[in-house]
N, C-alpha and C. Protein backbone atom coordinates (compact mmCIF):
# COMPACT_ATOMS: atom_id res chain seq x y z
N MET A 1 -11.04 27.07 4.25
CA MET A 1 -11.69 26.29 5.28
C MET A 1 -12.50 27.25 6.14
N ASN A 2 -13.75 26.93 6.34
CA ASN A 2 -14.62 27.73 7.19
C ASN A 2 -14.46 27.25 8.64
N LEU A 3 -14.42 28.21 9.55
CA LEU A 3 -14.30 27.90 10.96
C LEU A 3 -15.45 28.53 11.71
N SER A 4 -16.14 27.72 12.48
CA SER A 4 -17.26 28.20 13.27
C SER A 4 -16.97 27.91 14.74
N LEU A 5 -16.90 28.97 15.57
CA LEU A 5 -16.67 28.84 17.01
C LEU A 5 -17.95 29.15 17.75
N THR A 6 -18.34 28.26 18.64
CA THR A 6 -19.57 28.46 19.41
C THR A 6 -19.27 28.18 20.87
N GLY A 7 -19.75 29.06 21.74
CA GLY A 7 -19.60 28.87 23.17
C GLY A 7 -20.97 28.64 23.79
N ARG A 8 -21.14 27.54 24.48
CA ARG A 8 -22.39 27.24 25.17
C ARG A 8 -22.16 27.36 26.67
N GLN A 9 -23.01 28.12 27.31
CA GLN A 9 -22.98 28.33 28.74
C GLN A 9 -21.69 29.01 29.21
N LEU A 10 -20.94 29.61 28.28
CA LEU A 10 -19.78 30.41 28.63
C LEU A 10 -19.47 31.35 27.48
N ASP A 11 -18.82 32.44 27.81
CA ASP A 11 -18.41 33.41 26.80
C ASP A 11 -16.98 33.11 26.39
N LEU A 12 -16.73 33.07 25.08
CA LEU A 12 -15.39 32.82 24.57
C LEU A 12 -14.61 34.13 24.58
N THR A 13 -13.48 34.14 25.25
CA THR A 13 -12.63 35.32 25.27
C THR A 13 -11.78 35.34 24.02
N ASP A 14 -11.11 36.45 23.78
CA ASP A 14 -10.23 36.56 22.61
C ASP A 14 -9.08 35.56 22.71
N ALA A 15 -8.55 35.34 23.90
CA ALA A 15 -7.46 34.39 24.08
C ALA A 15 -7.92 32.97 23.74
N MET A 16 -9.13 32.61 24.15
CA MET A 16 -9.67 31.28 23.83
C MET A 16 -9.87 31.13 22.33
N LYS A 17 -10.42 32.17 21.71
CA LYS A 17 -10.66 32.13 20.26
C LYS A 17 -9.34 32.00 19.50
N THR A 18 -8.32 32.73 19.94
CA THR A 18 -7.01 32.67 19.28
C THR A 18 -6.40 31.27 19.44
N HIS A 19 -6.50 30.71 20.63
CA HIS A 19 -5.95 29.37 20.88
C HIS A 19 -6.65 28.33 20.02
N ILE A 20 -7.96 28.38 19.96
CA ILE A 20 -8.72 27.42 19.17
C ILE A 20 -8.44 27.60 17.68
N THR A 21 -8.36 28.85 17.22
CA THR A 21 -8.09 29.13 15.80
C THR A 21 -6.71 28.61 15.40
N SER A 22 -5.70 28.85 16.22
CA SER A 22 -4.36 28.36 15.89
C SER A 22 -4.30 26.84 15.92
N ALA A 23 -5.06 26.23 16.84
CA ALA A 23 -5.10 24.77 16.90
C ALA A 23 -5.74 24.19 15.65
N VAL A 24 -6.82 24.82 15.19
CA VAL A 24 -7.50 24.33 13.98
C VAL A 24 -6.63 24.58 12.74
N GLU A 25 -5.89 25.68 12.72
CA GLU A 25 -5.01 25.97 11.58
C GLU A 25 -3.91 24.91 11.45
N SER A 26 -3.52 24.29 12.58
CA SER A 26 -2.48 23.26 12.51
C SER A 26 -2.97 22.00 11.79
N LEU A 27 -4.28 21.87 11.59
CA LEU A 27 -4.82 20.70 10.90
C LEU A 27 -4.66 20.81 9.38
N LYS A 28 -4.31 21.98 8.90
CA LYS A 28 -4.14 22.18 7.45
C LYS A 28 -2.91 21.49 6.90
N LYS A 29 -1.97 21.12 7.77
CA LYS A 29 -0.71 20.56 7.29
C LYS A 29 -0.87 19.20 6.60
N PHE A 30 -2.02 18.55 6.77
CA PHE A 30 -2.22 17.24 6.16
C PHE A 30 -2.67 17.34 4.70
N ASN A 31 -2.90 18.54 4.20
CA ASN A 31 -3.27 18.78 2.80
C ASN A 31 -4.51 17.98 2.39
N LEU A 32 -5.47 17.90 3.29
CA LEU A 32 -6.73 17.26 2.97
C LEU A 32 -7.74 18.35 2.65
N ASP A 33 -8.79 18.00 1.94
CA ASP A 33 -9.81 18.97 1.58
C ASP A 33 -10.77 19.15 2.75
N ILE A 34 -10.34 19.97 3.71
CA ILE A 34 -11.20 20.27 4.86
C ILE A 34 -12.14 21.38 4.44
N ILE A 35 -13.41 21.06 4.38
CA ILE A 35 -14.41 22.05 3.94
C ILE A 35 -14.72 23.02 5.07
N SER A 36 -15.04 22.48 6.24
CA SER A 36 -15.36 23.36 7.37
C SER A 36 -15.06 22.64 8.67
N THR A 37 -14.86 23.45 9.69
CA THR A 37 -14.63 22.93 11.04
C THR A 37 -15.54 23.69 11.99
N ARG A 38 -16.28 22.94 12.77
CA ARG A 38 -17.17 23.55 13.76
C ARG A 38 -16.66 23.15 15.12
N VAL A 39 -16.41 24.16 15.97
CA VAL A 39 -15.93 23.93 17.32
C VAL A 39 -16.98 24.44 18.29
N VAL A 40 -17.45 23.55 19.16
CA VAL A 40 -18.43 23.92 20.18
C VAL A 40 -17.76 23.71 21.53
N VAL A 41 -17.68 24.80 22.29
CA VAL A 41 -17.09 24.76 23.62
C VAL A 41 -18.20 24.99 24.62
N SER A 42 -18.30 24.11 25.61
CA SER A 42 -19.35 24.28 26.60
C SER A 42 -18.81 24.00 27.98
N SER A 43 -19.48 24.61 28.94
CA SER A 43 -19.15 24.38 30.34
C SER A 43 -19.93 23.15 30.78
N ASP A 44 -19.28 22.29 31.53
CA ASP A 44 -19.89 21.03 31.90
C ASP A 44 -19.73 20.84 33.40
N GLU A 45 -20.76 20.38 34.04
CA GLU A 45 -20.69 20.12 35.48
C GLU A 45 -21.29 18.75 35.75
N LYS A 46 -20.47 17.86 36.29
CA LYS A 46 -20.93 16.51 36.63
C LYS A 46 -20.51 16.21 38.06
N ASN A 47 -21.42 15.73 38.82
CA ASN A 47 -21.17 15.35 40.21
C ASN A 47 -20.54 16.48 41.01
N GLY A 48 -20.96 17.70 40.73
CA GLY A 48 -20.46 18.85 41.46
C GLY A 48 -19.09 19.33 41.01
N LYS A 49 -18.51 18.70 39.99
CA LYS A 49 -17.19 19.10 39.49
C LYS A 49 -17.38 19.86 38.18
N LYS A 50 -16.72 21.00 38.08
CA LYS A 50 -16.81 21.79 36.86
C LYS A 50 -15.73 21.34 35.88
N GLY A 51 -16.09 21.41 34.64
CA GLY A 51 -15.15 21.04 33.59
C GLY A 51 -15.56 21.67 32.29
N SER A 52 -14.84 21.35 31.24
CA SER A 52 -15.12 21.89 29.91
C SER A 52 -15.28 20.74 28.93
N LEU A 53 -16.15 20.93 27.99
CA LEU A 53 -16.38 19.97 26.92
C LEU A 53 -16.11 20.67 25.60
N VAL A 54 -15.25 20.09 24.78
CA VAL A 54 -14.91 20.64 23.47
C VAL A 54 -15.32 19.61 22.43
N GLU A 55 -16.04 20.07 21.41
CA GLU A 55 -16.48 19.18 20.34
C GLU A 55 -16.01 19.74 19.01
N PHE A 56 -15.25 18.94 18.28
CA PHE A 56 -14.78 19.30 16.94
C PHE A 56 -15.62 18.50 15.94
N ALA A 57 -16.14 19.17 14.92
CA ALA A 57 -16.81 18.50 13.81
C ALA A 57 -16.10 18.97 12.54
N ILE A 58 -15.34 18.07 11.94
CA ILE A 58 -14.52 18.40 10.77
C ILE A 58 -15.16 17.77 9.55
N ASN A 59 -15.52 18.61 8.59
CA ASN A 59 -16.13 18.13 7.34
C ASN A 59 -15.05 18.02 6.28
N LEU A 60 -14.85 16.82 5.76
CA LEU A 60 -13.87 16.57 4.69
C LEU A 60 -14.60 16.29 3.40
N ALA A 61 -13.98 16.69 2.30
CA ALA A 61 -14.54 16.36 0.99
C ALA A 61 -14.37 14.86 0.76
N HIS A 62 -15.39 14.23 0.21
CA HIS A 62 -15.38 12.80 -0.14
C HIS A 62 -15.18 11.91 1.08
N LYS A 63 -15.57 12.37 2.27
CA LYS A 63 -15.43 11.58 3.49
C LYS A 63 -16.51 12.04 4.46
N ASN A 64 -16.93 11.15 5.34
CA ASN A 64 -17.90 11.51 6.35
C ASN A 64 -17.32 12.52 7.32
N THR A 65 -18.18 13.16 8.07
CA THR A 65 -17.76 14.15 9.06
C THR A 65 -17.07 13.46 10.22
N ILE A 66 -15.95 14.03 10.66
CA ILE A 66 -15.20 13.51 11.80
C ILE A 66 -15.63 14.31 13.02
N VAL A 67 -16.13 13.62 14.04
CA VAL A 67 -16.58 14.28 15.26
C VAL A 67 -15.72 13.80 16.42
N ILE A 68 -15.15 14.77 17.15
CA ILE A 68 -14.30 14.45 18.29
C ILE A 68 -14.79 15.24 19.48
N LYS A 69 -15.05 14.54 20.58
CA LYS A 69 -15.49 15.18 21.83
C LYS A 69 -14.43 14.93 22.89
N GLN A 70 -14.11 15.97 23.64
CA GLN A 70 -13.09 15.86 24.67
C GLN A 70 -13.52 16.62 25.91
N ARG A 71 -13.43 15.96 27.07
CA ARG A 71 -13.73 16.60 28.36
C ARG A 71 -12.44 16.75 29.16
N ASP A 72 -12.36 17.86 29.87
CA ASP A 72 -11.22 18.08 30.77
C ASP A 72 -11.59 19.19 31.74
N LYS A 73 -10.82 19.27 32.83
CA LYS A 73 -11.07 20.32 33.81
C LYS A 73 -10.73 21.68 33.23
N ASP A 74 -9.64 21.72 32.45
CA ASP A 74 -9.17 22.97 31.86
C ASP A 74 -9.61 23.04 30.41
N LEU A 75 -10.10 24.20 30.00
CA LEU A 75 -10.57 24.38 28.62
C LEU A 75 -9.42 24.25 27.63
N TYR A 76 -8.28 24.84 27.92
CA TYR A 76 -7.14 24.79 27.01
C TYR A 76 -6.61 23.36 26.86
N ALA A 77 -6.59 22.62 27.95
CA ALA A 77 -6.15 21.22 27.89
C ALA A 77 -7.12 20.39 27.06
N ALA A 78 -8.42 20.66 27.21
CA ALA A 78 -9.42 19.93 26.42
C ALA A 78 -9.25 20.22 24.94
N VAL A 79 -8.98 21.49 24.58
CA VAL A 79 -8.77 21.85 23.17
C VAL A 79 -7.53 21.15 22.63
N ASP A 80 -6.44 21.16 23.41
CA ASP A 80 -5.20 20.52 22.96
C ASP A 80 -5.37 19.01 22.77
N LEU A 81 -6.05 18.36 23.69
CA LEU A 81 -6.28 16.92 23.55
C LEU A 81 -7.17 16.60 22.36
N ALA A 82 -8.19 17.43 22.14
CA ALA A 82 -9.08 17.21 20.99
C ALA A 82 -8.33 17.40 19.68
N VAL A 83 -7.44 18.39 19.63
CA VAL A 83 -6.65 18.63 18.41
C VAL A 83 -5.70 17.48 18.16
N GLU A 84 -5.09 16.93 19.19
CA GLU A 84 -4.20 15.78 19.02
C GLU A 84 -4.95 14.57 18.48
N ARG A 85 -6.15 14.35 18.99
CA ARG A 85 -6.97 13.25 18.46
C ARG A 85 -7.36 13.50 17.01
N ALA A 86 -7.68 14.75 16.69
CA ALA A 86 -8.04 15.09 15.30
C ALA A 86 -6.84 14.89 14.38
N LYS A 87 -5.66 15.26 14.84
CA LYS A 87 -4.45 15.07 14.02
C LYS A 87 -4.21 13.59 13.75
N LYS A 88 -4.46 12.77 14.75
CA LYS A 88 -4.27 11.33 14.58
C LYS A 88 -5.22 10.77 13.52
N VAL A 89 -6.47 11.19 13.59
CA VAL A 89 -7.47 10.72 12.61
C VAL A 89 -7.12 11.23 11.22
N LEU A 90 -6.77 12.50 11.11
CA LEU A 90 -6.45 13.07 9.80
C LEU A 90 -5.17 12.48 9.22
N ARG A 91 -4.18 12.18 10.07
CA ARG A 91 -2.95 11.57 9.58
C ARG A 91 -3.24 10.19 9.00
N ARG A 92 -4.10 9.41 9.69
CA ARG A 92 -4.46 8.09 9.17
C ARG A 92 -5.17 8.19 7.83
N HIS A 93 -6.08 9.15 7.74
CA HIS A 93 -6.79 9.34 6.47
C HIS A 93 -5.83 9.79 5.39
N HIS A 94 -4.92 10.69 5.73
CA HIS A 94 -3.93 11.18 4.76
C HIS A 94 -3.05 10.04 4.27
N ASP A 95 -2.61 9.17 5.19
CA ASP A 95 -1.77 8.03 4.80
C ASP A 95 -2.51 7.08 3.87
N LYS A 96 -3.79 6.85 4.13
CA LYS A 96 -4.58 5.99 3.24
C LYS A 96 -4.67 6.59 1.85
N VAL A 97 -4.94 7.88 1.80
CA VAL A 97 -5.11 8.54 0.50
C VAL A 97 -3.81 8.54 -0.26
N THR A 98 -2.70 8.90 0.38
CA THR A 98 -1.43 8.98 -0.33
C THR A 98 -0.92 7.61 -0.72
N ASP A 99 -1.15 6.57 0.09
CA ASP A 99 -0.72 5.22 -0.28
C ASP A 99 -1.45 4.73 -1.51
N ARG A 100 -2.75 5.00 -1.58
CA ARG A 100 -3.51 4.58 -2.76
C ARG A 100 -3.03 5.32 -3.99
N GLN A 101 -2.79 6.62 -3.85
CA GLN A 101 -2.33 7.38 -5.00
C GLN A 101 -0.95 6.93 -5.43
N ALA A 102 -0.09 6.62 -4.47
CA ALA A 102 1.26 6.17 -4.81
C ALA A 102 1.22 4.86 -5.57
N THR A 103 0.37 3.94 -5.17
CA THR A 103 0.30 2.67 -5.89
C THR A 103 -0.30 2.86 -7.27
N LYS A 104 -1.27 3.75 -7.40
CA LYS A 104 -1.85 4.01 -8.71
C LYS A 104 -0.80 4.60 -9.64
N ILE A 105 -0.03 5.55 -9.15
CA ILE A 105 0.99 6.19 -9.98
C ILE A 105 2.07 5.19 -10.34
N SER A 106 2.52 4.39 -9.36
CA SER A 106 3.59 3.44 -9.66
C SER A 106 3.11 2.38 -10.64
N ASP A 107 1.85 1.94 -10.53
CA ASP A 107 1.31 0.98 -11.49
C ASP A 107 1.28 1.56 -12.89
N GLU A 108 0.91 2.83 -12.99
CA GLU A 108 0.88 3.47 -14.30
C GLU A 108 2.29 3.59 -14.88
N LEU A 109 3.27 3.90 -14.03
CA LEU A 109 4.64 4.00 -14.51
C LEU A 109 5.16 2.65 -14.97
N ILE A 110 4.83 1.61 -14.24
CA ILE A 110 5.26 0.27 -14.64
C ILE A 110 4.65 -0.11 -15.97
N GLN A 111 3.36 0.17 -16.16
CA GLN A 111 2.71 -0.13 -17.42
C GLN A 111 3.35 0.66 -18.56
N ALA A 112 3.70 1.92 -18.30
CA ALA A 112 4.34 2.74 -19.33
C ALA A 112 5.71 2.19 -19.68
N GLU A 113 6.48 1.75 -18.65
CA GLU A 113 7.79 1.18 -18.92
C GLU A 113 7.68 -0.12 -19.70
N ILE A 114 6.69 -0.92 -19.39
CA ILE A 114 6.51 -2.18 -20.12
C ILE A 114 6.18 -1.90 -21.58
N SER A 115 5.30 -0.94 -21.82
CA SER A 115 4.94 -0.65 -23.20
C SER A 115 6.12 -0.06 -23.97
N GLU A 116 6.96 0.75 -23.29
CA GLU A 116 8.15 1.28 -23.96
C GLU A 116 9.15 0.18 -24.24
N SER A 117 9.32 -0.73 -23.29
CA SER A 117 10.30 -1.79 -23.48
C SER A 117 9.85 -2.75 -24.59
N ASP A 118 8.55 -2.92 -24.76
CA ASP A 118 8.06 -3.77 -25.84
C ASP A 118 8.40 -3.19 -27.19
N ASP A 119 8.40 -1.87 -27.28
CA ASP A 119 8.71 -1.23 -28.55
C ASP A 119 10.19 -1.30 -28.87
N ASN A 120 11.05 -1.24 -27.86
CA ASN A 120 12.49 -1.13 -28.09
C ASN A 120 13.19 -2.47 -28.24
N TYR A 121 12.73 -3.49 -27.59
CA TYR A 121 13.44 -4.75 -27.57
C TYR A 121 12.52 -5.88 -28.03
N GLU A 122 13.15 -6.90 -28.60
CA GLU A 122 12.39 -8.08 -28.96
C GLU A 122 12.28 -8.97 -27.73
N VAL A 123 11.15 -9.54 -27.56
CA VAL A 123 10.92 -10.41 -26.42
C VAL A 123 11.21 -11.83 -26.87
N ASP A 124 12.02 -12.55 -26.06
CA ASP A 124 12.30 -13.95 -26.36
C ASP A 124 11.02 -14.74 -26.16
N GLU A 125 10.72 -15.53 -27.14
CA GLU A 125 9.50 -16.30 -27.07
C GLU A 125 9.85 -17.76 -26.80
N ILE A 126 9.18 -18.33 -25.84
CA ILE A 126 9.41 -19.74 -25.50
C ILE A 126 8.34 -20.56 -26.19
N VAL A 127 8.79 -21.49 -27.00
CA VAL A 127 7.89 -22.35 -27.73
C VAL A 127 7.92 -23.73 -27.07
N PRO A 128 6.81 -24.17 -26.51
CA PRO A 128 6.82 -25.48 -25.86
C PRO A 128 6.93 -26.60 -26.89
N MET A 129 7.72 -27.60 -26.54
CA MET A 129 7.90 -28.75 -27.42
C MET A 129 7.55 -30.01 -26.63
N GLU A 130 7.08 -30.98 -27.34
CA GLU A 130 6.74 -32.24 -26.70
C GLU A 130 7.94 -33.17 -26.82
N LEU A 131 8.37 -33.72 -25.68
CA LEU A 131 9.53 -34.60 -25.67
C LEU A 131 9.09 -36.04 -25.95
N ASP A 132 10.01 -36.81 -26.45
CA ASP A 132 9.74 -38.22 -26.71
C ASP A 132 10.12 -39.04 -25.49
N LEU A 133 9.60 -38.67 -24.35
CA LEU A 133 9.92 -39.38 -23.12
C LEU A 133 8.93 -40.49 -22.81
N TYR A 134 7.95 -40.63 -23.63
CA TYR A 134 6.90 -41.58 -23.31
C TYR A 134 7.33 -43.02 -23.53
N LYS A 135 8.19 -43.24 -24.50
CA LYS A 135 8.64 -44.59 -24.82
C LYS A 135 10.00 -44.84 -24.14
N PRO A 136 10.10 -45.88 -23.32
CA PRO A 136 11.39 -46.17 -22.69
C PRO A 136 12.42 -46.63 -23.74
N LEU A 137 13.66 -46.21 -23.54
CA LEU A 137 14.74 -46.54 -24.47
C LEU A 137 15.87 -47.24 -23.73
N ASN A 138 16.60 -48.04 -24.49
CA ASN A 138 17.86 -48.58 -23.98
C ASN A 138 18.90 -47.48 -24.06
N ILE A 139 19.98 -47.65 -23.32
CA ILE A 139 21.06 -46.65 -23.36
C ILE A 139 21.68 -46.61 -24.75
N GLU A 140 21.79 -47.78 -25.41
CA GLU A 140 22.38 -47.83 -26.76
C GLU A 140 21.50 -47.07 -27.77
N GLU A 141 20.16 -47.20 -27.62
CA GLU A 141 19.26 -46.48 -28.53
C GLU A 141 19.37 -44.97 -28.32
N ALA A 142 19.47 -44.56 -27.06
CA ALA A 142 19.61 -43.14 -26.76
C ALA A 142 20.93 -42.62 -27.29
N LEU A 143 22.00 -43.42 -27.22
CA LEU A 143 23.31 -43.02 -27.74
C LEU A 143 23.25 -42.83 -29.26
N GLU A 144 22.57 -43.72 -29.96
CA GLU A 144 22.43 -43.59 -31.41
C GLU A 144 21.65 -42.32 -31.78
N ILE A 145 20.58 -42.03 -31.02
CA ILE A 145 19.79 -40.82 -31.29
C ILE A 145 20.66 -39.58 -31.08
N LEU A 146 21.48 -39.59 -30.02
CA LEU A 146 22.35 -38.44 -29.74
C LEU A 146 23.41 -38.30 -30.83
N LYS A 147 23.98 -39.39 -31.32
CA LYS A 147 24.99 -39.32 -32.37
C LYS A 147 24.41 -38.77 -33.67
N GLN A 148 23.16 -39.10 -33.97
CA GLN A 148 22.53 -38.65 -35.21
C GLN A 148 22.14 -37.17 -35.15
N SER A 149 21.93 -36.67 -33.95
CA SER A 149 21.52 -35.27 -33.83
C SER A 149 22.74 -34.38 -33.58
N LYS A 150 22.55 -33.07 -33.65
CA LYS A 150 23.64 -32.13 -33.39
C LYS A 150 23.54 -31.56 -31.97
N GLN A 151 22.73 -32.18 -31.12
CA GLN A 151 22.53 -31.68 -29.77
C GLN A 151 23.67 -32.11 -28.86
N GLN A 152 23.83 -31.42 -27.74
CA GLN A 152 24.86 -31.73 -26.76
C GLN A 152 24.42 -32.82 -25.79
N PHE A 153 23.09 -32.93 -25.56
CA PHE A 153 22.60 -33.94 -24.63
C PHE A 153 21.24 -34.43 -25.09
N PHE A 154 20.83 -35.57 -24.50
CA PHE A 154 19.55 -36.17 -24.83
C PHE A 154 18.95 -36.73 -23.54
N ILE A 155 17.68 -36.40 -23.29
CA ILE A 155 16.99 -36.85 -22.08
C ILE A 155 16.03 -37.97 -22.49
N PHE A 156 16.01 -39.04 -21.71
CA PHE A 156 15.14 -40.17 -22.04
C PHE A 156 14.81 -40.94 -20.77
N ASN A 157 13.81 -41.81 -20.87
CA ASN A 157 13.45 -42.74 -19.80
C ASN A 157 14.05 -44.08 -20.16
N ASP A 158 14.74 -44.68 -19.18
CA ASP A 158 15.32 -46.00 -19.46
C ASP A 158 14.30 -47.08 -19.14
N MET A 159 14.69 -48.33 -19.29
CA MET A 159 13.78 -49.45 -19.12
C MET A 159 13.30 -49.60 -17.68
N ASP A 160 14.04 -49.05 -16.70
CA ASP A 160 13.65 -49.13 -15.30
C ASP A 160 12.68 -48.00 -14.90
N GLY A 161 12.40 -47.08 -15.82
CA GLY A 161 11.49 -45.97 -15.56
C GLY A 161 12.18 -44.73 -15.02
N LYS A 162 13.52 -44.73 -14.97
CA LYS A 162 14.25 -43.56 -14.50
C LYS A 162 14.48 -42.60 -15.64
N THR A 163 14.47 -41.32 -15.31
CA THR A 163 14.79 -40.31 -16.31
C THR A 163 16.31 -40.17 -16.34
N ARG A 164 16.89 -40.31 -17.53
CA ARG A 164 18.33 -40.29 -17.68
C ARG A 164 18.74 -39.22 -18.69
N VAL A 165 20.00 -38.81 -18.60
CA VAL A 165 20.57 -37.83 -19.53
C VAL A 165 21.87 -38.39 -20.06
N ILE A 166 21.98 -38.42 -21.36
CA ILE A 166 23.24 -38.81 -21.99
C ILE A 166 23.78 -37.58 -22.70
N TYR A 167 25.10 -37.32 -22.56
CA TYR A 167 25.65 -36.07 -23.08
C TYR A 167 27.01 -36.30 -23.71
N LYS A 168 27.38 -35.36 -24.62
CA LYS A 168 28.70 -35.40 -25.26
C LYS A 168 29.69 -34.64 -24.39
N ARG A 169 30.83 -35.26 -24.15
CA ARG A 169 31.87 -34.60 -23.36
C ARG A 169 32.86 -33.91 -24.29
N LYS A 170 33.74 -33.11 -23.72
CA LYS A 170 34.72 -32.37 -24.52
C LYS A 170 35.76 -33.28 -25.16
N ASP A 171 36.02 -34.42 -24.57
CA ASP A 171 37.02 -35.34 -25.11
C ASP A 171 36.39 -36.34 -26.10
N ASN A 172 35.22 -35.99 -26.69
CA ASN A 172 34.50 -36.78 -27.67
C ASN A 172 34.04 -38.13 -27.15
N LYS A 173 33.86 -38.24 -25.86
CA LYS A 173 33.28 -39.41 -25.27
C LYS A 173 31.87 -39.01 -24.79
N TYR A 174 31.13 -39.95 -24.27
CA TYR A 174 29.76 -39.71 -23.84
C TYR A 174 29.63 -39.99 -22.35
N GLY A 175 28.82 -39.13 -21.68
CA GLY A 175 28.56 -39.31 -20.26
C GLY A 175 27.11 -39.65 -20.06
N LEU A 176 26.81 -40.26 -18.89
CA LEU A 176 25.44 -40.68 -18.59
C LEU A 176 25.10 -40.34 -17.16
N TYR A 177 23.99 -39.68 -16.99
CA TYR A 177 23.45 -39.43 -15.65
C TYR A 177 22.24 -40.29 -15.45
């Protein structure tokens, strides 16, 4: 990461340069591709009050430049506040990048697991069948159909239009719902 320190209308002392350099180094913890950082420190006077203006311009790969400006009476306080704001912006960007990558990786793992499971196990296939529910039946007709088949139950529509179920019980009798 390239670091450029510039002082406008004031001379940067070694202590100021060290403080700014260590503050900018703390931005590396987000593991983003920071190409360069430009720090411009200037003396500012408004309404007869002296203050300091710190401007951070952080260039990220595959992202627009992040510009942060901070004013304060004290130069060190202005640098600290600007770095905190920069950390907030970089943390948000880092979270976006890692969340997208995590979902991409998890989707790929799920697809890989599905393809492996298809190879190892047979998938139960559901075959849709058309029921003979269209014609209403008497209970006696439904009972005869159930006796002729080897099924445990039979679903039908009775003459009143209700859907009914007739089933074989364990005691060899028949039940009706």
